[in-house]
Protein backbone atom coordinates (compact mmCIF):
# COMPACT_ATOMS: atom_id res chain seq x y z
CA MET A 1 100.08 273.95 94.58
CA ALA A 2 97.72 276.93 94.22
CA GLY A 3 98.00 280.53 95.03
CA VAL A 4 101.34 280.38 95.96
CA GLY A 5 102.52 282.96 93.23
CA LYS A 6 103.56 281.59 89.82
CA THR A 7 101.28 283.63 87.88
CA THR A 8 102.64 286.71 90.07
CA LEU A 9 105.88 286.09 89.74
CA ALA A 10 106.00 285.30 85.91
CA LYS A 11 103.47 288.44 85.44
CA VAL A 12 106.93 290.08 86.59
CA ILE A 13 108.64 288.40 84.18
CA TYR A 14 106.97 289.79 81.29
CA GLN A 15 106.41 293.19 82.10
CA THR A 16 110.02 293.95 82.59
CA SER A 17 111.38 292.09 79.41
CA GLU A 18 109.74 294.73 76.93
CA GLN A 19 112.82 295.62 75.79
CA LYS A 20 114.74 291.98 75.34
CA PHE A 21 111.55 290.93 73.65
CA LYS A 22 110.11 292.37 71.00
CA ASN A 23 107.55 289.65 70.26
CA ARG A 24 105.59 288.60 73.52
CA ALA A 25 102.34 286.71 74.08
CA TRP A 26 100.66 285.39 76.69
CA ILE A 27 97.56 283.12 77.19
CA PHE A 28 95.82 281.86 80.33
CA VAL A 29 95.22 278.40 80.09
CA PRO A 30 91.34 277.09 81.44
CA SER A 31 91.01 274.10 83.39
CA LYS A 32 88.77 272.65 80.00
CA TYR A 33 90.62 274.52 76.78
CA ARG A 34 90.31 273.96 73.41
CA MET A 35 93.58 274.67 71.32
CA ARG A 36 91.37 276.83 69.26
CA GLU A 37 91.32 279.10 71.94
CA LEU A 38 94.39 278.95 73.14
CA LEU A 39 96.06 279.53 69.12
CA LEU A 40 94.46 282.31 68.19
CA GLY A 41 94.81 283.81 71.96
CA LEU A 42 98.67 283.74 71.40
CA LEU A 43 97.62 284.98 67.29
CA GLU A 44 95.92 288.29 69.21
CA ASN A 45 98.94 289.05 70.96
CA LEU A 46 101.22 288.93 67.66
CA MET A 47 100.02 290.48 65.14
CA SER A 48 95.98 291.41 63.66
CA VAL A 49 93.68 288.91 64.18
CA GLY A 50 91.28 288.91 60.76
CA GLU A 51 88.25 287.06 59.30
CA GLU A 52 90.64 284.87 57.38
CA THR A 53 92.54 283.64 60.13
CA LEU A 54 88.99 283.04 62.44
CA LYS A 55 88.15 280.61 59.27
CA LEU A 56 91.55 277.52 59.98
CA ASP A 57 91.35 274.77 61.67
CA ASP A 58 93.44 274.26 64.46
CA VAL A 59 96.76 272.40 62.09
CA LYS A 60 96.67 275.70 59.77
CA LEU A 61 96.24 277.83 63.59
CA ALA A 62 99.76 276.36 64.41
CA GLU A 63 101.47 276.45 61.28
CA LYS A 64 100.34 279.97 61.05
CA LEU A 65 101.30 280.72 64.71
CA ARG A 66 104.93 278.93 63.90
CA LYS A 67 105.84 280.76 60.46
CA LEU A 68 105.18 284.07 62.21
CA LEU A 69 107.81 283.32 65.51
CA LEU A 70 110.67 281.88 62.94
CA GLY A 71 113.31 283.49 62.73
CA LYS A 72 112.50 286.25 65.42
CA ARG A 73 113.16 286.57 68.81
CA TYR A 74 109.83 285.74 71.41
CA LEU A 75 108.80 285.37 74.53
CA VAL A 76 105.55 283.15 75.30
CA VAL A 77 103.93 282.80 78.36
CA ILE A 78 101.32 279.77 79.36
CA ASP A 79 100.06 280.01 82.22
CA GLY A 80 97.82 277.42 84.52
CA VAL A 81 99.11 274.18 82.44
CA GLU A 82 97.09 271.13 84.51
CA LYS A 83 97.91 268.66 81.63
CA ALA A 84 101.23 267.29 80.10
CA GLN A 85 98.54 266.72 76.49
CA LEU A 86 98.99 270.49 76.30
CA TRP A 87 103.15 270.64 76.48
CA GLN A 88 102.56 267.55 73.60
CA GLU A 89 99.94 269.02 71.51
CA PHE A 90 102.20 272.38 70.94
CA GLU A 91 105.62 270.07 70.37
CA LYS A 92 103.33 267.45 67.81
CA ASN A 93 103.25 270.21 65.72
CA LYS A 94 106.28 272.07 66.44
CA VAL A 95 104.40 275.58 67.19
CA PHE A 96 107.46 277.13 68.65
CA PRO A 97 110.40 277.59 66.25
CA ASP A 98 113.87 277.22 68.35
CA HIS A 99 116.58 278.89 66.12
CA GLN A 100 119.35 279.53 69.17
CA ASN A 101 118.57 283.62 69.53
CA GLY A 102 117.24 283.51 72.68
CA SER A 103 113.93 283.07 73.11
CA ARG A 104 111.85 281.73 75.90
CA VAL A 105 108.70 279.09 76.82
CA LEU A 106 107.44 279.76 80.20
CA LEU A 107 105.05 277.68 81.83
CA THR A 108 103.00 277.87 85.25
CA THR A 109 101.93 274.87 86.49
CA CYS A 110 101.04 272.69 89.70
CA SER A 111 102.34 269.23 87.94
CA ASN A 112 105.70 268.72 88.74
CA GLY A 113 105.74 266.22 85.30
CA VAL A 114 104.29 268.96 83.17
CA ALA A 115 107.59 271.10 84.37
CA LEU A 116 109.99 268.35 83.62
CA LEU A 117 108.11 267.43 80.20
CA ALA A 118 108.45 270.86 79.46
CA SER A 119 112.03 271.55 80.37
CA SER A 120 114.98 270.85 78.29
CA SER A 121 117.14 270.52 81.65
CA PRO A 122 115.80 270.13 85.60
CA ILE A 123 117.52 273.29 86.28
CA ARG A 124 114.95 275.16 84.66
CA THR A 125 112.64 274.49 86.78
CA HIS A 126 111.72 276.65 89.48
CA HIS A 127 109.61 275.81 92.54
CA LEU A 128 107.99 278.59 94.73
CA GLN A 129 108.14 277.58 98.53
CA SER A 130 104.79 278.29 100.07
CA LEU A 131 105.28 281.05 102.81
CA GLY A 132 106.28 280.36 107.11
CA GLY A 133 103.57 281.84 109.54
CA LYS A 134 105.44 284.61 110.36
CA GLU A 135 105.78 285.65 106.43
CA ARG A 136 102.38 285.28 105.81
CA SER A 137 101.05 287.30 109.17
CA GLU A 138 103.19 289.86 107.86
CA LEU A 139 101.86 289.90 104.24
CA LEU A 140 98.38 289.84 106.20
CA GLU A 141 99.55 293.37 107.98
CA LYS A 142 100.30 294.76 104.43
CA LEU A 143 96.98 293.44 103.19
CA VAL A 144 94.66 294.79 105.50
CA PHE A 145 96.36 297.81 107.31
CA LYS A 146 97.39 300.81 104.75
CA ASP A 147 100.72 301.81 107.20
CA GLY A 148 101.32 297.64 107.09
CA SER A 149 100.66 297.15 111.08
CA CYS A 150 98.75 295.90 112.99
CA PRO A 151 97.53 297.80 115.78
CA GLU A 152 97.92 296.54 119.14
CA HIS A 153 94.46 295.26 120.67
CA LEU A 154 93.86 292.96 117.44
CA VAL A 155 97.79 291.58 117.65
CA ASN A 156 96.40 288.15 119.67
CA LYS A 157 93.77 288.25 116.76
CA LEU A 158 95.76 288.60 113.44
CA GLN A 159 97.48 284.40 113.88
CA PRO A 160 98.80 282.63 111.13
CA SER A 161 96.07 280.61 111.11
CA VAL A 162 94.15 282.88 109.69
CA MET A 163 95.92 283.51 106.34
CA SER A 164 93.58 281.30 104.34
CA SER A 165 91.16 281.58 101.54
CA HIS A 166 87.93 282.09 103.72
CA LEU A 167 88.78 285.09 105.10
CA PRO A 168 85.99 287.33 105.13
CA LEU A 169 85.06 289.30 102.00
CA SER A 170 84.97 292.66 104.01
CA LEU A 171 88.43 292.03 105.81
CA TRP A 172 89.94 292.07 102.39
CA LEU A 173 87.70 294.76 100.67
CA HIS A 174 87.30 297.54 102.65
CA THR A 175 85.25 300.06 100.47
CA ASP A 176 82.39 299.24 99.16
CA HIS A 177 83.39 300.13 95.79
CA LEU A 178 85.66 297.08 95.10
CA LYS A 179 82.90 294.69 97.33
CA GLU A 180 80.99 294.99 94.03
CA CYS A 181 83.56 295.05 91.57
CA PHE A 182 84.96 291.87 92.71
CA LEU A 183 81.10 290.77 93.17
CA TYR A 184 80.16 291.20 89.98
CA LEU A 185 83.34 289.37 88.52
CA GLY A 186 80.95 286.39 90.36
CA ALA A 187 79.10 286.53 86.75
CA TYR A 188 82.03 284.70 85.01
CA PRO A 189 82.39 281.03 84.93
CA SER A 190 85.24 279.94 87.42
CA ASP A 191 88.53 279.19 85.16
CA CYS A 192 87.60 282.17 82.26
CA GLU A 193 90.15 284.35 81.69
CA ILE A 194 88.56 288.11 81.96
CA PRO A 195 89.99 290.79 79.98
CA ALA A 196 90.88 293.78 81.37
CA ARG A 197 88.97 296.06 78.81
CA GLN A 198 86.18 294.72 79.29
CA ILE A 199 85.63 294.29 82.74
CA ILE A 200 86.78 298.31 83.21
CA ASN A 201 83.88 298.61 80.60
CA LEU A 202 81.74 296.88 82.25
CA TRP A 203 82.20 297.70 85.32
CA ILE A 204 81.32 301.90 84.27
CA ALA A 205 78.46 300.36 82.24
CA GLU A 206 76.83 299.52 85.94
CA VAL A 207 77.99 303.04 87.12
CA LEU A 208 80.16 300.53 89.60
CA ALA A 209 83.13 303.14 88.30
CA LYS A 210 82.05 306.59 88.02
CA GLY A 211 84.30 309.69 87.20
CA ASN A 212 85.34 312.88 89.14
CA ASN A 213 86.92 316.37 88.44
CA GLU A 214 90.42 314.41 89.00
CA ALA A 215 90.56 311.33 87.06
CA SER A 216 88.22 309.76 84.44
CA ALA A 217 85.74 306.71 84.82
CA GLU A 218 88.61 304.35 82.99
CA GLN A 219 90.85 305.94 85.18
CA ILE A 220 88.82 305.44 88.82
CA ALA A 221 88.00 300.98 86.80
CA GLU A 222 91.68 300.76 86.43
CA ARG A 223 92.40 301.70 90.02
CA TYR A 224 89.87 299.41 91.21
CA LEU A 225 91.13 296.39 89.56
CA ASP A 226 95.01 297.30 90.13
CA GLU A 227 93.53 296.99 93.95
CA LEU A 228 92.22 293.63 93.10
CA ILE A 229 94.75 292.36 91.64
CA ASP A 230 97.12 293.38 94.90
CA LEU A 231 95.22 292.04 96.69
CA CYS A 232 95.75 288.56 94.82
CA LEU A 233 91.66 288.10 94.54
CA ILE A 234 91.08 288.04 90.94
CA GLU A 235 93.39 284.95 90.63
CA ASP A 236 92.11 282.94 93.89
CA HIS A 237 88.18 284.13 94.59
CA ILE A 238 86.01 284.06 91.31
CA HIS A 239 83.87 281.79 91.41
CA GLU A 240 81.59 279.96 88.91
CA LEU A 241 77.95 281.28 88.43
CA ARG A 242 75.65 280.02 85.95
CA TYR A 243 72.27 281.34 84.29
CA ILE A 244 69.64 279.27 83.23
CA LEU A 245 67.02 280.98 81.23
CA SER A 246 64.13 279.20 80.52
CA ASP A 247 61.53 281.95 80.43
CA PRO A 248 62.07 284.34 77.90
CA ASN A 249 60.12 286.78 80.29
CA TYR A 250 62.70 286.70 82.68
CA LEU A 251 64.87 289.03 80.97
CA SER A 252 62.95 292.03 81.41
CA HIS A 253 63.85 291.61 85.39
CA LEU A 254 68.23 291.45 84.21
CA HIS A 255 69.89 294.38 84.45
CA SER A 256 73.35 292.51 82.64
CA LEU A 257 73.24 289.15 80.92
CA LEU A 258 77.01 287.46 79.51
CA CYS A 259 76.80 284.65 78.08
CA PHE A 260 80.24 282.01 77.21
CA HIS A 261 79.44 280.27 74.27
CA ASN A 262 80.37 276.44 74.41
CA ASN A 263 79.64 273.88 71.04
CA SER A 264 76.57 272.94 72.69
CA SER A 265 75.04 276.49 73.93
CA LEU A 266 72.86 278.53 71.71
CA ASP A 267 73.32 277.09 69.14
CA SER A 268 71.00 276.43 65.79
CA ASP A 269 70.79 277.84 62.41
CA GLU A 270 69.52 280.71 62.98
CA PHE A 271 70.04 282.21 65.61
CA THR A 272 67.88 285.84 66.16
CA LEU A 273 68.83 288.53 69.22
CA LYS A 274 65.81 290.40 69.98
CA PHE A 275 66.00 293.74 71.79
CA ASP A 276 61.82 293.60 72.86
CA HIS A 277 62.39 292.32 76.28
CA LEU A 278 65.70 293.81 77.17
CA GLN A 279 64.55 297.35 78.15
CA ASN A 280 66.00 297.13 81.84
CA ILE A 281 69.52 295.58 80.28
CA SER A 282 72.46 298.09 80.76
CA ALA A 283 75.08 295.37 79.72
CA LEU A 284 75.02 292.55 77.16
CA ASP A 285 77.85 290.38 76.37
CA LEU A 286 76.60 287.94 73.44
CA GLY A 287 80.78 287.08 73.13
CA SER A 288 80.61 284.30 70.29
CA THR A 289 77.33 283.27 70.67
CA TYR A 290 75.76 282.11 67.50
CA VAL A 291 73.84 285.53 65.93
CA THR A 292 72.83 285.76 62.53
CA LYS A 293 71.08 288.46 62.44
CA LEU A 294 69.71 291.77 65.40
CA GLY A 295 65.99 292.23 65.61
CA GLY A 296 62.58 293.69 67.47
CA SER A 297 62.59 297.58 68.07
CA ILE A 298 65.32 299.15 69.42
CA LYS A 299 64.07 302.39 70.88
CA GLY A 300 65.68 305.19 72.39
CA SER A 301 63.97 303.44 76.23
CA LEU A 302 66.21 301.48 76.14
CA VAL A 303 69.12 301.98 78.68
CA LEU A 304 71.63 299.33 77.14
CA LYS A 305 75.15 301.07 77.52
CA TYR A 306 77.12 297.82 76.85
CA LEU A 307 76.96 295.77 73.53
CA THR A 308 79.36 293.04 72.63
CA ILE A 309 78.41 290.59 70.52
CA ASN A 310 82.01 288.68 68.38
CA HIS A 311 80.33 285.55 66.31
CA PRO A 312 81.13 286.49 62.50
CA SER A 313 77.99 285.26 61.43
CA LEU A 314 76.49 288.69 62.09
CA LYS A 315 76.78 290.53 58.76
CA ARG A 316 74.90 293.44 59.84
CA LEU A 317 73.17 296.32 62.19
CA PRO A 318 70.04 297.58 62.12
CA SER A 319 69.88 301.26 61.68
CA SER A 320 67.76 301.57 64.72
CA LEU A 321 70.59 300.66 66.81
CA CYS A 322 71.71 304.27 66.24
CA ASN A 323 68.72 305.14 68.91
CA LEU A 324 70.96 304.12 71.93
CA SER A 325 71.28 307.58 73.52
CA ASP A 326 73.46 305.99 76.30
CA GLN A 327 75.15 303.20 74.37
CA GLN A 328 79.03 303.56 75.60
CA THR A 329 80.76 300.61 74.17
CA LEU A 330 80.22 298.95 71.05
CA ASP A 331 81.99 295.65 70.13
CA ILE A 332 81.80 293.75 67.18
CA LYS A 333 85.24 292.57 65.64
CA ASN A 334 85.10 289.77 65.21
CA THR A 335 82.10 290.11 63.40
CA CYS A 336 81.21 290.06 59.38
CA VAL A 337 79.73 293.98 59.73
CA LYS A 338 81.24 296.15 56.85
CA CYS A 339 79.32 299.01 57.41
CA LEU A 340 78.29 301.61 59.72
CA GLN A 341 75.12 304.18 59.58
CA CYS A 342 75.91 307.02 59.40
CA GLY A 343 73.06 307.47 62.55
CA ILE A 344 76.77 305.75 65.15
CA TRP A 345 78.46 309.26 65.40
CA GLU A 346 74.89 310.56 67.39
CA MET A 347 75.77 308.37 69.83
CA GLN A 348 77.48 310.95 71.92
CA LYS A 349 78.27 309.25 75.13
CA LEU A 350 79.56 306.37 72.86
CA ARG A 351 83.15 305.97 74.05
CA HIS A 352 84.49 302.73 72.59
CA LEU A 353 84.13 301.66 69.70
CA SER A 354 86.11 297.87 68.19
CA VAL A 355 84.58 296.60 64.46
CA PRO A 356 85.98 294.48 62.00
CA HIS A 357 89.57 296.42 60.26
CA GLN A 358 87.48 296.12 56.19
CA THR A 359 84.02 297.95 58.23
CA THR A 360 83.83 301.32 56.32
CA LEU A 361 83.13 303.89 59.19
CA PRO A 362 80.80 306.75 57.41
CA LYS A 363 81.18 310.49 57.71
CA SER A 364 79.58 312.33 60.78
CA SER A 365 77.32 315.44 59.71
CA ASP A 366 79.99 318.35 60.58
CA ASN A 367 82.11 316.63 58.04
CA GLY A 368 84.65 315.03 60.98
CA THR A 369 85.05 310.63 61.23
CA PHE A 370 84.38 309.90 65.10
CA PRO A 371 82.86 311.44 67.92
CA THR A 372 84.60 313.56 70.20
CA ARG A 373 84.21 311.99 73.54
CA LEU A 374 86.01 308.59 72.19
CA VAL A 375 89.54 308.30 74.64
CA LYS A 376 90.57 305.17 72.70
CA VAL A 377 91.63 305.12 69.16
CA THR A 378 93.41 301.85 67.25
CA LEU A 379 93.60 301.94 63.44
CA VAL A 380 94.46 298.85 61.65
CA ARG A 381 94.84 299.05 57.84
CA THR A 382 92.66 301.33 58.00
CA GLY A 383 91.82 303.16 53.91
CA LEU A 384 91.06 306.00 55.68
CA VAL A 385 93.32 308.93 53.56
CA ALA A 386 95.95 309.45 56.77
CA ASP A 387 96.11 313.29 56.30
CA ASP A 388 92.39 313.30 56.65
CA VAL A 389 92.50 310.99 59.32
CA MET A 390 95.44 313.04 61.62
CA ARG A 391 93.66 316.13 61.36
CA THR A 392 90.05 314.87 62.22
CA LEU A 393 92.27 313.06 65.26
CA GLU A 394 93.44 316.29 66.41
CA LYS A 395 89.80 317.37 66.89
CA LEU A 396 89.35 314.76 69.88
CA GLY A 397 90.06 316.66 73.65
CA HIS A 398 88.79 313.43 75.81
CA LEU A 399 91.41 310.97 73.30
CA GLN A 400 93.89 309.45 76.25
CA VAL A 401 95.56 306.57 73.89
CA LEU A 402 96.03 306.22 69.82
CA ARG A 403 97.28 303.33 68.77
CA LEU A 404 98.13 302.81 64.47
CA GLN A 405 98.92 299.66 63.18
CA GLN A 406 100.37 297.73 60.26
CA GLU A 407 100.36 300.50 57.03
CA ILE A 408 98.93 303.67 58.01
CA PHE A 409 100.48 305.69 55.14
CA ILE A 410 101.57 308.56 57.18
CA GLN A 411 104.88 310.37 56.88
CA THR A 412 104.99 313.65 58.10
CA TRP A 413 102.56 313.90 61.15
CA ARG A 414 102.24 317.67 61.18
CA MET A 415 100.16 318.34 65.07
CA GLY A 416 98.10 322.09 65.79
CA ASP A 417 99.32 323.26 69.02
CA GLY A 418 96.76 322.46 71.94
CA ALA A 419 95.88 319.40 70.01
CA MET A 420 94.84 315.85 71.67
CA GLY A 421 95.50 317.06 75.08
CA SER A 422 94.82 314.01 77.08
CA LEU A 423 96.55 311.75 75.13
CA GLU A 424 98.92 309.38 77.58
CA GLU A 425 99.50 306.48 75.33
CA LEU A 426 101.32 306.33 71.78
CA THR A 427 101.56 302.98 69.99
CA LEU A 428 102.73 303.22 66.59
CA SER A 429 103.38 299.46 64.68
CA ARG A 430 104.75 298.78 61.39
CA CYS A 431 104.12 302.39 60.24
CA HIS A 432 107.03 301.88 58.37
CA GLU A 433 106.09 305.16 56.53
CA GLN A 434 106.56 307.51 59.23
CA LYS A 435 110.05 309.20 59.02
CA SER A 436 109.00 311.67 62.51
CA LEU A 437 106.78 312.34 64.97
CA PRO A 438 105.54 316.06 66.38
CA HIS A 439 107.77 317.82 68.73
CA GLN A 440 103.84 319.07 70.47
CA LEU A 441 103.43 314.69 71.43
CA TRP A 442 106.28 316.08 73.61
CA GLN A 443 105.22 318.90 75.20
CA LEU A 444 101.77 316.67 76.19
CA HIS A 445 100.96 317.92 80.00
CA ASP A 446 100.04 313.40 80.45
CA MET A 447 101.95 311.60 77.66
CA HIS A 448 104.01 309.55 79.28
CA GLN A 449 104.65 306.32 76.95
CA ILE A 450 105.15 305.79 73.23
CA LYS A 451 105.57 302.42 72.32
CA VAL A 452 107.04 301.58 68.30
CA ASN A 453 107.08 298.15 66.84
CA SER A 454 109.10 297.89 63.67
CA PRO A 455 109.96 301.99 62.66
CA SER A 456 111.47 303.46 59.90
CA HIS A 457 114.80 303.99 60.32
CA CYS A 458 114.62 308.29 60.22
CA LEU A 459 111.66 307.47 63.16
CA GLU A 460 114.08 305.21 64.96
CA ARG A 461 116.85 307.21 64.63
CA GLU A 462 115.05 310.30 66.03
CA LEU A 463 113.43 308.41 69.29
CA GLU A 464 116.62 307.02 70.01
CA GLN A 465 118.15 310.39 70.64
CA LEU A 466 114.58 311.96 72.20
CA ARG A 467 115.09 308.98 74.85
CA ALA A 468 119.30 309.76 75.30
CA GLU A 469 117.52 314.14 76.00
CA GLN A 470 114.42 313.09 78.33
CA ARG A 471 112.90 311.35 80.99
CA LYS A 472 109.37 312.04 80.96
CA VAL A 473 108.10 309.94 78.53
CA HIS A 474 108.92 305.93 78.21
CA ILE A 475 109.83 305.23 74.44
CA HIS A 476 109.50 301.47 73.90
CA PHE A 477 111.01 299.26 70.69
């Protein structure tokens, strides 16, 4: 049955399996799915997906995924499988190779038929049972009351019958900020998988999550998201909400516009996004909607803080985009934009920039490469000179997450004292030339996690020794 805890259990298994499986992928299956999107979702978990991969059809995507998993020990979680047809398609294309090396595919489903079809043996299926009346009451107490116990004058009201999906929102969400963040999710269609980073950036753009002296806006938003997850509201209580904009002038009254693309929506030979009617919009997410160009007047008076466009048809950004002085998030990672204008670094509030791996980044006027307020940097197969990159990254005082992935040619990383003072997480993926890490990393106050995938032998030996000597920083291979 729905809501019994299948996904929660699967998440626990997935999150605690990192040491055993170096190749892991997770996808959620909506009630109306396309095989192409599921295959791309799995590939994006396992590798950097470029323009060539996005052009492949379903059969070739399945073949690419199978070849990627060949000979590797992997864990794949497919969450929410409703129809046997999906698993049959995976089987038909032999997507998941079995080399008897301990690899696993884990499915969650409400259908016993799907479970039996996907399992090599009935004993490999695990049936979750719903909670009894006493257990439901105890769970409700833990969720509603901070100390886990119900005040005496409310005991008679706390009966097992009230433990249902129809509990008033005000009972579950005891603070206004959680109510606002939860209600914001109503903009998404039902059965829609919501990327955590996307919703966090949207909450920040909408000022639903604000930083303070103790934590950044990202940390506050992540805390809100964790609270909603703990309350089991995100999976079970998102309802469908659709907008039909028949009058373009209606846009002038909107503060947020989120588009969910399908085969029949907003497709044409040429679709141009014009900014003339977007004066009050602070968050604009066009997703994979067919956009060939950006037009209209982009003025500094626009309050736009969050902009996402991810269709390969877009090849160029207008220089006037740099007039968006309040811009915090710019995501164009799946477009074909090949260069950015120098003015991009004048956007001093820019916090999240996602661009295709082939995009050329301009130098800023102060001879650096990145704006100083960036909190997360991911470099994938960059053509930038490694030494210049590292010297520039050291100047980013707000940087919290640094990910260097695939062919970043750094042999020796020299780090100055006091550099990257806010760094919390470092990920190195397939950086085979990297022989060691600077000792200053272990002295950073907020550093708590280092992830390394396919390290050089020298770096692996160094990290194994460090992992045995100290416990402050969690090192994962």
